[in-house]
Structure formats: C-alpha cells, structure tokens
Amino acid sequence: MVASTALPADKRAQQGGLLFLASLLVFFITGIVSFVLYASWREATFIQSEKLPLSFAWSTLCLVFVSGLLHWAVHSVRHEHCRQSLALLVAALIGSIIFLVVQGVAMWHVAGGYATAGLEAGLAGMMLVLALLHALHVIGGVAALVIVTIRLARGQYDHERMWGISFTAQYWHFLDLVWIVMLFAFWYTSGGFAT
C-alpha cells in the first residue's frame, strides 16, 4: 500500500490562503507603485494644492481597531473562550461596517474636492480607484467575518479547529498593512490632511 503524501485539509487551506494573500500583495504593490510614479511625474505645483480628507485618518483607526479585535478573538478561541470570541467578532463586524461608511465619506470628499481636468483629475482618479479596490476587499473581509461569526455561534470552531477565524484575522491584518502604505502614498503625494 502506498502512503498518502497529501497535506491535511487545514494545511492545504492554509497554503491556499497564503498564496491568495501573496497574489493580493503583488496586485496592491503594483497599484501603489504606479500611483506614486504617476504622482511624481505630474506637475509639482499640485503637491500642496489639495489635502486629504481627515476621514481617511479616522477610517484607518477603525481598520486597526477591527484588526486588533480579530487578533484578540483568535487568542480567545485558542484558549476556549468562545463566548468572548463571539462578542469580539460581532464588535469587529460592526467596526468594519463603520470603516466602510467612513471610507465612503472620505472617497466622496476626494471625488468632489479634486480638480476635474488635467493631471490632477488623473491623480484623484487613481486615488479613488485604489481606495475603491481596497474597500471592495474590505467587503470581502466583512463577508468572511459574517461567515466565521455564524460558524462560531454554531460551535464549529474550537482551539483545534480555528483556521477560518485565524485566516480572517490574517486577511484583516493584510488589509491594514496595505491601507497604511496606500494612505502614506496618498499623504506623500498630496498636501497632507485637511484640518
């Protein structure tokens, strides 16, 4: 009889999840680098002319808060505190929805505040596209949060089987990192934050 060399299902899912995050990383790095290159080739006078809405900073705090709650939820499940973990997942879900609302307000300000012609419009357009792509991935993260919250409520996770919650937390940590780098690129190429 031949011994099976296939990885267990959790290990295969973990490898698939890491490959997914790696492909998203390449995608976002390409977009951010393209944005910075485009911004550096435009007229220097625009650098200080428009400021980022302060709601971008507030949405960043929301995103970091959600990521922290998810990290805490993973820790709670590892220690068999499933009820606490469920409360943390619900709080993270609420925080993620608040992030989307605040992010939507910020994108509305960017769309309305920037010039509508020439290089400035191209820069604002690229900023909006990058922020929208990130927001779409956040919506995917919200869907994952809903799924793992329902599964935890049904008792499908414990300290031995918790890959879904763990990967959801990793995904949100990834979204944090991408957004912080993206926000720095936006800040660097604009006039800073509006007050």
N, C-alpha and C. Protein backbone atom coordinates (compact mmCIF):
# COMPACT_ATOMS: atom_id res chain seq x y z
N MET A 1 0.84 -1.17 0.00
CA MET A 1 0.00 0.00 0.00
C MET A 1 0.89 1.24 0.00
N VAL A 2 0.54 2.23 -0.80
CA VAL A 2 1.30 3.46 -0.93
C VAL A 2 0.82 4.47 0.11
N ALA A 3 1.77 5.07 0.81
CA ALA A 3 1.42 6.07 1.81
C ALA A 3 0.99 7.36 1.12
N SER A 4 -0.01 7.98 1.63
CA SER A 4 -0.51 9.23 1.07
C SER A 4 0.42 10.38 1.46
N THR A 5 0.77 11.19 0.49
CA THR A 5 1.63 12.35 0.75
C THR A 5 0.85 13.65 0.71
N ALA A 6 -0.46 13.57 0.60
CA ALA A 6 -1.29 14.77 0.55
C ALA A 6 -1.29 15.45 1.92
N LEU A 7 -1.30 16.76 1.88
CA LEU A 7 -1.37 17.53 3.11
C LEU A 7 -2.77 17.44 3.71
N PRO A 8 -2.88 17.53 5.03
CA PRO A 8 -4.22 17.59 5.63
C PRO A 8 -4.99 18.81 5.10
N ALA A 9 -6.30 18.73 5.19
CA ALA A 9 -7.15 19.79 4.62
C ALA A 9 -6.82 21.16 5.19
N ASP A 10 -6.56 21.25 6.51
CA ASP A 10 -6.25 22.55 7.10
C ASP A 10 -4.95 23.11 6.55
N LYS A 11 -3.96 22.26 6.35
CA LYS A 11 -2.68 22.73 5.81
C LYS A 11 -2.83 23.18 4.36
N ARG A 12 -3.63 22.46 3.59
CA ARG A 12 -3.88 22.88 2.19
C ARG A 12 -4.60 24.22 2.16
N ALA A 13 -5.58 24.38 3.03
CA ALA A 13 -6.32 25.64 3.10
C ALA A 13 -5.39 26.77 3.53
N GLN A 14 -4.50 26.48 4.47
CA GLN A 14 -3.56 27.49 4.94
C GLN A 14 -2.61 27.91 3.81
N GLN A 15 -2.10 26.96 3.06
CA GLN A 15 -1.23 27.29 1.92
C GLN A 15 -1.98 28.07 0.86
N GLY A 16 -3.21 27.67 0.57
CA GLY A 16 -4.02 28.40 -0.40
C GLY A 16 -4.29 29.82 0.06
N GLY A 17 -4.55 29.99 1.34
CA GLY A 17 -4.78 31.33 1.88
C GLY A 17 -3.55 32.21 1.78
N LEU A 18 -2.39 31.63 2.07
CA LEU A 18 -1.15 32.40 1.96
C LEU A 18 -0.84 32.77 0.51
N LEU A 19 -1.11 31.86 -0.42
CA LEU A 19 -0.93 32.18 -1.84
C LEU A 19 -1.88 33.30 -2.27
N PHE A 20 -3.10 33.25 -1.77
CA PHE A 20 -4.08 34.29 -2.07
C PHE A 20 -3.59 35.65 -1.58
N LEU A 21 -3.09 35.69 -0.33
CA LEU A 21 -2.57 36.95 0.22
C LEU A 21 -1.34 37.43 -0.55
N ALA A 22 -0.49 36.50 -0.97
CA ALA A 22 0.69 36.88 -1.75
C ALA A 22 0.30 37.49 -3.09
N SER A 23 -0.71 36.91 -3.74
CA SER A 23 -1.15 37.47 -5.03
C SER A 23 -1.79 38.84 -4.84
N LEU A 24 -2.55 39.02 -3.76
CA LEU A 24 -3.12 40.34 -3.47
C LEU A 24 -2.02 41.36 -3.16
N LEU A 25 -0.97 40.92 -2.48
CA LEU A 25 0.13 41.81 -2.17
C LEU A 25 0.79 42.33 -3.44
N VAL A 26 1.04 41.44 -4.39
CA VAL A 26 1.61 41.86 -5.67
C VAL A 26 0.68 42.84 -6.37
N PHE A 27 -0.62 42.56 -6.37
CA PHE A 27 -1.60 43.42 -7.00
C PHE A 27 -1.58 44.82 -6.40
N PHE A 28 -1.63 44.91 -5.07
CA PHE A 28 -1.67 46.22 -4.42
C PHE A 28 -0.33 46.95 -4.53
N ILE A 29 0.78 46.24 -4.42
CA ILE A 29 2.08 46.90 -4.57
C ILE A 29 2.19 47.52 -5.95
N THR A 30 1.76 46.79 -6.96
CA THR A 30 1.79 47.32 -8.33
C THR A 30 0.95 48.58 -8.44
N GLY A 31 -0.23 48.57 -7.87
CA GLY A 31 -1.10 49.74 -7.92
C GLY A 31 -0.53 50.94 -7.18
N ILE A 32 0.02 50.69 -6.00
CA ILE A 32 0.57 51.80 -5.21
C ILE A 32 1.81 52.38 -5.87
N VAL A 33 2.69 51.51 -6.38
CA VAL A 33 3.90 51.99 -7.07
C VAL A 33 3.50 52.79 -8.32
N SER A 34 2.52 52.31 -9.06
CA SER A 34 2.05 53.04 -10.25
C SER A 34 1.52 54.41 -9.86
N PHE A 35 0.76 54.47 -8.76
CA PHE A 35 0.23 55.74 -8.29
C PHE A 35 1.35 56.71 -7.93
N VAL A 36 2.34 56.23 -7.18
CA VAL A 36 3.44 57.09 -6.75
C VAL A 36 4.25 57.56 -7.96
N LEU A 37 4.49 56.67 -8.92
CA LEU A 37 5.23 57.07 -10.12
C LEU A 37 4.45 58.12 -10.91
N TYR A 38 3.16 57.91 -11.07
CA TYR A 38 2.34 58.88 -11.79
C TYR A 38 2.35 60.23 -11.07
N ALA A 39 2.23 60.17 -9.74
CA ALA A 39 2.23 61.41 -8.96
C ALA A 39 3.56 62.13 -9.06
N SER A 40 4.65 61.39 -9.12
CA SER A 40 5.97 62.04 -9.20
C SER A 40 6.22 62.64 -10.58
N TRP A 41 5.52 62.18 -11.61
CA TRP A 41 5.71 62.70 -12.96
C TRP A 41 4.79 63.89 -13.27
N ARG A 42 3.85 64.16 -12.40
CA ARG A 42 2.93 65.26 -12.67
C ARG A 42 3.55 66.59 -12.24
N GLU A 43 2.82 67.65 -12.43
CA GLU A 43 3.33 68.98 -12.08
C GLU A 43 3.51 69.09 -10.57
N ALA A 44 4.64 69.61 -10.17
CA ALA A 44 4.96 69.72 -8.74
C ALA A 44 4.03 70.69 -8.01
N THR A 45 3.42 71.63 -8.73
CA THR A 45 2.57 72.61 -8.07
C THR A 45 1.33 71.98 -7.44
N PHE A 46 0.94 70.80 -7.91
CA PHE A 46 -0.27 70.17 -7.38
C PHE A 46 -0.02 69.52 -6.03
N ILE A 47 1.23 69.28 -5.67
CA ILE A 47 1.52 68.54 -4.45
C ILE A 47 0.86 69.17 -3.24
N GLN A 48 0.89 70.47 -3.11
CA GLN A 48 0.33 71.13 -1.93
C GLN A 48 -1.07 71.69 -2.17
N SER A 49 -1.63 71.51 -3.36
CA SER A 49 -2.88 72.20 -3.65
C SER A 49 -4.11 71.53 -3.05
N GLU A 50 -4.13 70.23 -2.93
CA GLU A 50 -5.30 69.54 -2.38
C GLU A 50 -4.90 68.72 -1.16
N LYS A 51 -5.74 68.72 -0.18
CA LYS A 51 -5.46 67.97 1.04
C LYS A 51 -6.40 66.77 1.14
N LEU A 52 -5.93 65.74 1.80
CA LEU A 52 -6.74 64.55 2.02
C LEU A 52 -7.79 64.82 3.08
N PRO A 53 -8.96 64.23 2.93
CA PRO A 53 -9.97 64.39 3.97
C PRO A 53 -9.50 63.70 5.26
N LEU A 54 -9.78 64.31 6.39
CA LEU A 54 -9.38 63.75 7.67
C LEU A 54 -10.09 62.42 7.94
N SER A 55 -11.19 62.18 7.25
CA SER A 55 -11.91 60.91 7.43
C SER A 55 -11.07 59.71 6.99
N PHE A 56 -10.07 59.92 6.12
CA PHE A 56 -9.15 58.83 5.79
C PHE A 56 -8.38 58.40 7.04
N ALA A 57 -7.97 59.34 7.87
CA ALA A 57 -7.26 59.01 9.11
C ALA A 57 -8.19 58.29 10.09
N TRP A 58 -9.44 58.76 10.18
CA TRP A 58 -10.40 58.10 11.07
C TRP A 58 -10.69 56.68 10.61
N SER A 59 -10.81 56.49 9.30
CA SER A 59 -11.08 55.14 8.80
C SER A 59 -9.89 54.22 9.09
N THR A 60 -8.68 54.77 9.09
CA THR A 60 -7.50 53.98 9.41
C THR A 60 -7.57 53.49 10.85
N LEU A 61 -7.99 54.36 11.76
CA LEU A 61 -8.14 53.95 13.15
C LEU A 61 -9.18 52.84 13.28
N CYS A 62 -10.26 52.95 12.53
CA CYS A 62 -11.29 51.90 12.53
C CYS A 62 -10.71 50.57 12.08
N LEU A 63 -9.94 50.61 11.00
CA LEU A 63 -9.36 49.40 10.43
C LEU A 63 -8.41 48.73 11.42
N VAL A 64 -7.57 49.52 12.07
CA VAL A 64 -6.63 48.98 13.05
C VAL A 64 -7.41 48.41 14.25
N PHE A 65 -8.47 49.07 14.64
CA PHE A 65 -9.31 48.59 15.74
C PHE A 65 -9.92 47.23 15.40
N VAL A 66 -10.45 47.08 14.19
CA VAL A 66 -11.03 45.80 13.76
C VAL A 66 -9.97 44.71 13.78
N SER A 67 -8.80 45.03 13.27
CA SER A 67 -7.71 44.06 13.24
C SER A 67 -7.32 43.64 14.66
N GLY A 68 -7.28 44.59 15.58
CA GLY A 68 -6.98 44.26 16.97
C GLY A 68 -8.03 43.36 17.59
N LEU A 69 -9.30 43.65 17.32
CA LEU A 69 -10.38 42.80 17.83
C LEU A 69 -10.26 41.38 17.30
N LEU A 70 -9.91 41.25 16.04
CA LEU A 70 -9.78 39.91 15.45
C LEU A 70 -8.58 39.16 16.03
N HIS A 71 -7.51 39.87 16.28
CA HIS A 71 -6.36 39.24 16.91
C HIS A 71 -6.74 38.71 18.29
N TRP A 72 -7.49 39.50 19.02
CA TRP A 72 -7.97 39.12 20.34
C TRP A 72 -8.94 37.94 20.25
N ALA A 73 -9.78 37.93 19.22
CA ALA A 73 -10.73 36.83 19.02
C ALA A 73 -10.00 35.51 18.77
N VAL A 74 -8.94 35.55 17.96
CA VAL A 74 -8.15 34.34 17.71
C VAL A 74 -7.54 33.84 19.02
N HIS A 75 -7.01 34.76 19.78
CA HIS A 75 -6.43 34.39 21.09
C HIS A 75 -7.49 33.77 21.99
N SER A 76 -8.69 34.32 21.99
CA SER A 76 -9.77 33.81 22.82
C SER A 76 -10.18 32.40 22.41
N VAL A 77 -10.28 32.15 21.11
CA VAL A 77 -10.65 30.81 20.65
C VAL A 77 -9.56 29.81 21.03
N ARG A 78 -8.31 30.20 20.91
CA ARG A 78 -7.20 29.29 21.29
C ARG A 78 -7.30 28.86 22.75
N HIS A 79 -7.85 29.74 23.57
CA HIS A 79 -7.97 29.44 25.00
C HIS A 79 -9.39 28.99 25.38
N GLU A 80 -10.15 28.57 24.37
CA GLU A 80 -11.51 28.04 24.56
C GLU A 80 -12.47 29.04 25.20
N HIS A 81 -12.28 30.32 24.94
CA HIS A 81 -13.21 31.35 25.39
C HIS A 81 -14.08 31.76 24.19
N CYS A 82 -14.89 30.81 23.75
CA CYS A 82 -15.66 31.01 22.51
C CYS A 82 -16.71 32.10 22.64
N ARG A 83 -17.31 32.22 23.81
CA ARG A 83 -18.32 33.26 24.00
C ARG A 83 -17.68 34.65 23.87
N GLN A 84 -16.51 34.82 24.49
CA GLN A 84 -15.78 36.08 24.37
C GLN A 84 -15.37 36.33 22.93
N SER A 85 -14.92 35.29 22.26
CA SER A 85 -14.51 35.42 20.87
C SER A 85 -15.69 35.82 19.99
N LEU A 86 -16.86 35.27 20.26
CA LEU A 86 -18.06 35.62 19.50
C LEU A 86 -18.38 37.11 19.66
N ALA A 87 -18.29 37.61 20.89
CA ALA A 87 -18.55 39.04 21.13
C ALA A 87 -17.52 39.90 20.39
N LEU A 88 -16.27 39.44 20.37
CA LEU A 88 -15.22 40.19 19.66
C LEU A 88 -15.46 40.19 18.15
N LEU A 89 -15.92 39.07 17.62
CA LEU A 89 -16.21 39.01 16.18
C LEU A 89 -17.37 39.93 15.82
N VAL A 90 -18.39 39.96 16.66
CA VAL A 90 -19.53 40.86 16.40
C VAL A 90 -19.06 42.31 16.45
N ALA A 91 -18.23 42.65 17.43
CA ALA A 91 -17.70 44.02 17.54
C ALA A 91 -16.84 44.35 16.32
N ALA A 92 -16.05 43.38 15.85
CA ALA A 92 -15.22 43.60 14.66
C ALA A 92 -16.10 43.80 13.43
N LEU A 93 -17.19 43.07 13.36
CA LEU A 93 -18.13 43.23 12.24
C LEU A 93 -18.74 44.63 12.23
N ILE A 94 -19.13 45.11 13.39
CA ILE A 94 -19.68 46.47 13.49
C ILE A 94 -18.60 47.50 13.12
N GLY A 95 -17.39 47.30 13.62
CA GLY A 95 -16.29 48.20 13.29
C GLY A 95 -15.96 48.22 11.81
N SER A 96 -16.06 47.06 11.16
CA SER A 96 -15.76 47.01 9.73
C SER A 96 -16.82 47.76 8.92
N ILE A 97 -18.05 47.71 9.36
CA ILE A 97 -19.11 48.45 8.66
C ILE A 97 -18.91 49.95 8.87
N ILE A 98 -18.52 50.34 10.09
CA ILE A 98 -18.21 51.75 10.34
C ILE A 98 -17.06 52.20 9.45
N PHE A 99 -16.04 51.35 9.29
CA PHE A 99 -14.93 51.67 8.40
C PHE A 99 -15.43 51.96 6.99
N LEU A 100 -16.29 51.09 6.48
CA LEU A 100 -16.80 51.27 5.12
C LEU A 100 -17.57 52.58 4.97
N VAL A 101 -18.36 52.94 5.97
CA VAL A 101 -19.12 54.19 5.92
C VAL A 101 -18.17 55.38 5.92
N VAL A 102 -17.20 55.38 6.85
CA VAL A 102 -16.25 56.49 6.95
C VAL A 102 -15.40 56.57 5.69
N GLN A 103 -15.00 55.43 5.16
CA GLN A 103 -14.22 55.39 3.93
C GLN A 103 -15.04 55.93 2.75
N GLY A 104 -16.32 55.61 2.71
CA GLY A 104 -17.18 56.14 1.66
C GLY A 104 -17.27 57.66 1.71
N VAL A 105 -17.38 58.20 2.92
CA VAL A 105 -17.40 59.65 3.08
C VAL A 105 -16.09 60.26 2.59
N ALA A 106 -14.97 59.63 2.94
CA ALA A 106 -13.66 60.13 2.51
C ALA A 106 -13.55 60.12 0.98
N MET A 107 -13.98 59.03 0.36
CA MET A 107 -13.89 58.94 -1.10
C MET A 107 -14.81 59.97 -1.76
N TRP A 108 -15.95 60.25 -1.15
CA TRP A 108 -16.86 61.26 -1.67
C TRP A 108 -16.18 62.63 -1.66
N HIS A 109 -15.46 62.92 -0.56
CA HIS A 109 -14.74 64.19 -0.47
C HIS A 109 -13.62 64.28 -1.51
N VAL A 110 -12.92 63.18 -1.72
CA VAL A 110 -11.84 63.17 -2.72
C VAL A 110 -12.44 63.41 -4.10
N ALA A 111 -13.52 62.73 -4.40
CA ALA A 111 -14.13 62.88 -5.73
C ALA A 111 -14.65 64.29 -5.95
N GLY A 112 -15.19 64.91 -4.92
CA GLY A 112 -15.75 66.24 -5.07
C GLY A 112 -14.74 67.36 -4.93
N GLY A 113 -13.65 67.12 -4.21
CA GLY A 113 -12.71 68.18 -3.90
C GLY A 113 -11.61 68.38 -4.91
N TYR A 114 -11.27 67.38 -5.66
CA TYR A 114 -10.15 67.50 -6.59
C TYR A 114 -10.59 68.13 -7.90
N ALA A 115 -9.63 68.71 -8.58
CA ALA A 115 -9.89 69.34 -9.88
C ALA A 115 -10.39 68.29 -10.87
N THR A 116 -11.08 68.74 -11.88
CA THR A 116 -11.68 67.80 -12.83
C THR A 116 -11.01 67.81 -14.19
N ALA A 117 -9.83 68.38 -14.27
CA ALA A 117 -9.15 68.40 -15.57
C ALA A 117 -7.66 68.17 -15.39
N GLY A 118 -7.03 67.65 -16.42
CA GLY A 118 -5.57 67.52 -16.45
C GLY A 118 -5.04 66.45 -15.53
N LEU A 119 -3.80 66.65 -15.12
CA LEU A 119 -3.11 65.67 -14.30
C LEU A 119 -3.77 65.49 -12.94
N GLU A 120 -4.35 66.56 -12.40
CA GLU A 120 -4.99 66.47 -11.11
C GLU A 120 -6.14 65.47 -11.12
N ALA A 121 -6.92 65.49 -12.18
CA ALA A 121 -8.03 64.55 -12.30
C ALA A 121 -7.51 63.13 -12.38
N GLY A 122 -6.42 62.93 -13.10
CA GLY A 122 -5.83 61.59 -13.20
C GLY A 122 -5.35 61.09 -11.85
N LEU A 123 -4.73 61.98 -11.09
CA LEU A 123 -4.24 61.60 -9.77
C LEU A 123 -5.39 61.28 -8.83
N ALA A 124 -6.41 62.14 -8.81
CA ALA A 124 -7.57 61.88 -7.97
C ALA A 124 -8.27 60.60 -8.40
N GLY A 125 -8.34 60.38 -9.70
CA GLY A 125 -8.96 59.16 -10.21
C GLY A 125 -8.21 57.91 -9.76
N MET A 126 -6.87 57.96 -9.85
CA MET A 126 -6.08 56.81 -9.39
C MET A 126 -6.25 56.59 -7.90
N MET A 127 -6.31 57.69 -7.13
CA MET A 127 -6.50 57.58 -5.69
C MET A 127 -7.85 56.92 -5.39
N LEU A 128 -8.89 57.36 -6.09
CA LEU A 128 -10.21 56.78 -5.88
C LEU A 128 -10.27 55.31 -6.27
N VAL A 129 -9.62 54.97 -7.38
CA VAL A 129 -9.63 53.57 -7.81
C VAL A 129 -8.92 52.69 -6.78
N LEU A 130 -7.76 53.13 -6.30
CA LEU A 130 -7.04 52.34 -5.29
C LEU A 130 -7.86 52.21 -4.00
N ALA A 131 -8.45 53.32 -3.55
CA ALA A 131 -9.27 53.26 -2.34
C ALA A 131 -10.50 52.38 -2.54
N LEU A 132 -11.10 52.45 -3.72
CA LEU A 132 -12.26 51.61 -4.01
C LEU A 132 -11.88 50.14 -4.07
N LEU A 133 -10.75 49.82 -4.68
CA LEU A 133 -10.30 48.42 -4.72
C LEU A 133 -10.05 47.90 -3.31
N HIS A 134 -9.46 48.74 -2.49
CA HIS A 134 -9.25 48.32 -1.10
C HIS A 134 -10.59 48.12 -0.40
N ALA A 135 -11.52 49.04 -0.62
CA ALA A 135 -12.85 48.92 0.01
C ALA A 135 -13.57 47.65 -0.45
N LEU A 136 -13.41 47.28 -1.71
CA LEU A 136 -14.02 46.04 -2.20
C LEU A 136 -13.44 44.82 -1.49
N HIS A 137 -12.13 44.86 -1.24
CA HIS A 137 -11.52 43.76 -0.49
C HIS A 137 -11.97 43.78 0.97
N VAL A 138 -12.24 44.96 1.50
CA VAL A 138 -12.80 45.04 2.85
C VAL A 138 -14.19 44.41 2.87
N ILE A 139 -14.97 44.63 1.84
CA ILE A 139 -16.30 44.00 1.76
C ILE A 139 -16.15 42.48 1.78
N GLY A 140 -15.15 41.97 1.06
CA GLY A 140 -14.85 40.53 1.14
C GLY A 140 -14.50 40.11 2.56
N GLY A 141 -13.75 40.96 3.26
CA GLY A 141 -13.42 40.68 4.65
C GLY A 141 -14.64 40.71 5.56
N VAL A 142 -15.58 41.60 5.26
CA VAL A 142 -16.83 41.64 6.02
C VAL A 142 -17.61 40.34 5.81
N ALA A 143 -17.65 39.87 4.56
CA ALA A 143 -18.33 38.60 4.28
C ALA A 143 -17.68 37.46 5.05
N ALA A 144 -16.35 37.44 5.08
CA ALA A 144 -15.64 36.41 5.84
C ALA A 144 -15.96 36.51 7.32
N LEU A 145 -16.06 37.74 7.82
CA LEU A 145 -16.42 37.94 9.23
C LEU A 145 -17.81 37.39 9.54
N VAL A 146 -18.74 37.64 8.64
CA VAL A 146 -20.10 37.13 8.84
C VAL A 146 -20.07 35.60 8.90
N ILE A 147 -19.34 34.99 7.98
CA ILE A 147 -19.28 33.51 7.92
C ILE A 147 -18.67 32.93 9.18
N VAL A 148 -17.51 33.47 9.60
CA VAL A 148 -16.87 32.88 10.78
C VAL A 148 -17.66 33.16 12.06
N THR A 149 -18.35 34.29 12.10
CA THR A 149 -19.18 34.60 13.27
C THR A 149 -20.33 33.60 13.38
N ILE A 150 -20.98 33.31 12.26
CA ILE A 150 -22.08 32.34 12.27
C ILE A 150 -21.55 30.95 12.63
N ARG A 151 -20.42 30.57 12.06
CA ARG A 151 -19.85 29.25 12.37
C ARG A 151 -19.43 29.14 13.82
N LEU A 152 -18.88 30.20 14.37
CA LEU A 152 -18.51 30.15 15.79
C LEU A 152 -19.75 30.06 16.67
N ALA A 153 -20.79 30.78 16.31
CA ALA A 153 -22.05 30.71 17.07
C ALA A 153 -22.64 29.31 17.03
N ARG A 154 -22.41 28.59 15.94
CA ARG A 154 -22.91 27.21 15.81
C ARG A 154 -21.97 26.19 16.45
N GLY A 155 -20.87 26.63 17.01
CA GLY A 155 -19.94 25.73 17.67
C GLY A 155 -19.00 24.99 16.75
N GLN A 156 -18.75 25.52 15.56
CA GLN A 156 -17.90 24.82 14.60
C GLN A 156 -16.41 25.11 14.78
N TYR A 157 -16.05 26.00 15.68
CA TYR A 157 -14.65 26.30 15.94
C TYR A 157 -14.31 26.00 17.39
N ASP A 158 -13.10 25.55 17.60
CA ASP A 158 -12.54 25.39 18.93
C ASP A 158 -11.03 25.59 18.84
N HIS A 159 -10.32 25.29 19.92
CA HIS A 159 -8.88 25.55 19.93
C HIS A 159 -8.11 24.69 18.92
N GLU A 160 -8.69 23.59 18.46
CA GLU A 160 -8.02 22.73 17.48
C GLU A 160 -8.42 23.05 16.05
N ARG A 161 -9.66 23.46 15.85
CA ARG A 161 -10.16 23.77 14.52
C ARG A 161 -10.60 25.22 14.49
N MET A 162 -9.68 26.09 14.09
CA MET A 162 -9.98 27.53 14.11
C MET A 162 -9.37 28.24 12.93
N TRP A 163 -9.04 27.50 11.87
CA TRP A 163 -8.35 28.09 10.74
C TRP A 163 -9.15 29.24 10.12
N GLY A 164 -10.44 29.12 10.03
CA GLY A 164 -11.26 30.17 9.42
C GLY A 164 -11.12 31.50 10.14
N ILE A 165 -11.18 31.46 11.47
CA ILE A 165 -11.03 32.69 12.24
C ILE A 165 -9.60 33.22 12.12
N SER A 166 -8.65 32.32 12.18
CA SER A 166 -7.25 32.72 12.08
C SER A 166 -6.95 33.37 10.72
N PHE A 167 -7.45 32.77 9.64
CA PHE A 167 -7.20 33.35 8.32
C PHE A 167 -7.92 34.68 8.14
N THR A 168 -9.12 34.78 8.67
CA THR A 168 -9.85 36.05 8.59
C THR A 168 -9.07 37.15 9.29
N ALA A 169 -8.49 36.84 10.44
CA ALA A 169 -7.66 37.83 11.14
C ALA A 169 -6.42 38.18 10.31
N GLN A 170 -5.78 37.16 9.71
CA GLN A 170 -4.61 37.43 8.85
C GLN A 170 -5.00 38.33 7.68
N TYR A 171 -6.15 38.06 7.10
CA TYR A 171 -6.62 38.86 5.96
C TYR A 171 -6.82 40.32 6.38
N TRP A 172 -7.41 40.54 7.55
CA TRP A 172 -7.62 41.91 8.02
C TRP A 172 -6.31 42.58 8.37
N HIS A 173 -5.35 41.83 8.93
CA HIS A 173 -4.02 42.41 9.18
C HIS A 173 -3.39 42.83 7.85
N PHE A 174 -3.58 42.01 6.83
CA PHE A 174 -3.07 42.33 5.49
C PHE A 174 -3.73 43.61 4.97
N LEU A 175 -5.05 43.70 5.13
CA LEU A 175 -5.76 44.91 4.68
C LEU A 175 -5.26 46.14 5.42
N ASP A 176 -4.96 46.00 6.70
CA ASP A 176 -4.38 47.11 7.48
C ASP A 176 -3.08 47.57 6.85
N LEU A 177 -2.20 46.62 6.63
CA LEU A 177 -0.88 46.95 6.08
C LEU A 177 -1.00 47.64 4.73
N VAL A 178 -1.82 47.09 3.86
CA VAL A 178 -2.00 47.68 2.52
C VAL A 178 -2.57 49.09 2.65
N TRP A 179 -3.58 49.27 3.50
CA TRP A 179 -4.19 50.59 3.62
C TRP A 179 -3.21 51.62 4.18
N ILE A 180 -2.41 51.22 5.18
CA ILE A 180 -1.47 52.17 5.77
C ILE A 180 -0.42 52.60 4.74
N VAL A 181 0.06 51.66 3.95
CA VAL A 181 1.02 52.01 2.88
C VAL A 181 0.34 52.89 1.84
N MET A 182 -0.89 52.54 1.48
CA MET A 182 -1.63 53.32 0.50
C MET A 182 -1.90 54.74 1.02
N LEU A 183 -2.30 54.85 2.27
CA LEU A 183 -2.57 56.16 2.85
C LEU A 183 -1.30 57.01 2.91
N PHE A 184 -0.17 56.38 3.22
CA PHE A 184 1.09 57.11 3.22
C PHE A 184 1.39 57.63 1.82
N ALA A 185 1.15 56.81 0.80
CA ALA A 185 1.36 57.25 -0.59
C ALA A 185 0.44 58.41 -0.93
N PHE A 186 -0.82 58.35 -0.50
CA PHE A 186 -1.76 59.45 -0.74
C PHE A 186 -1.28 60.72 -0.03
N TRP A 187 -0.89 60.57 1.23
CA TRP A 187 -0.43 61.70 2.01
C TRP A 187 0.82 62.32 1.39
N TYR A 188 1.74 61.48 0.98
CA TYR A 188 3.01 61.95 0.42
C TYR A 188 2.81 62.73 -0.87
N THR A 189 1.83 62.36 -1.65
CA THR A 189 1.62 62.99 -2.95
C THR A 189 0.57 64.10 -2.92
N SER A 190 0.06 64.41 -1.72
CA SER A 190 -0.94 65.49 -1.63
C SER A 190 -0.44 66.55 -0.66
N GLY A 191 -1.31 67.39 -0.26
CA GLY A 191 -0.94 68.46 0.68
C GLY A 191 -1.15 68.07 2.12
N GLY A 192 -1.15 66.77 2.43
CA GLY A 192 -1.36 66.32 3.80
C GLY A 192 -2.86 66.17 4.08
N PHE A 193 -3.20 66.24 5.35
CA PHE A 193 -4.60 66.09 5.76
C PHE A 193 -5.24 67.46 5.95
N ALA A 194 -6.51 67.54 5.59
CA ALA A 194 -7.27 68.76 5.83
C ALA A 194 -7.55 68.85 7.33
N THR A 195 -7.65 70.07 7.81
CA THR A 195 -7.94 70.24 9.24
C THR A 195 -9.34 70.74 9.46
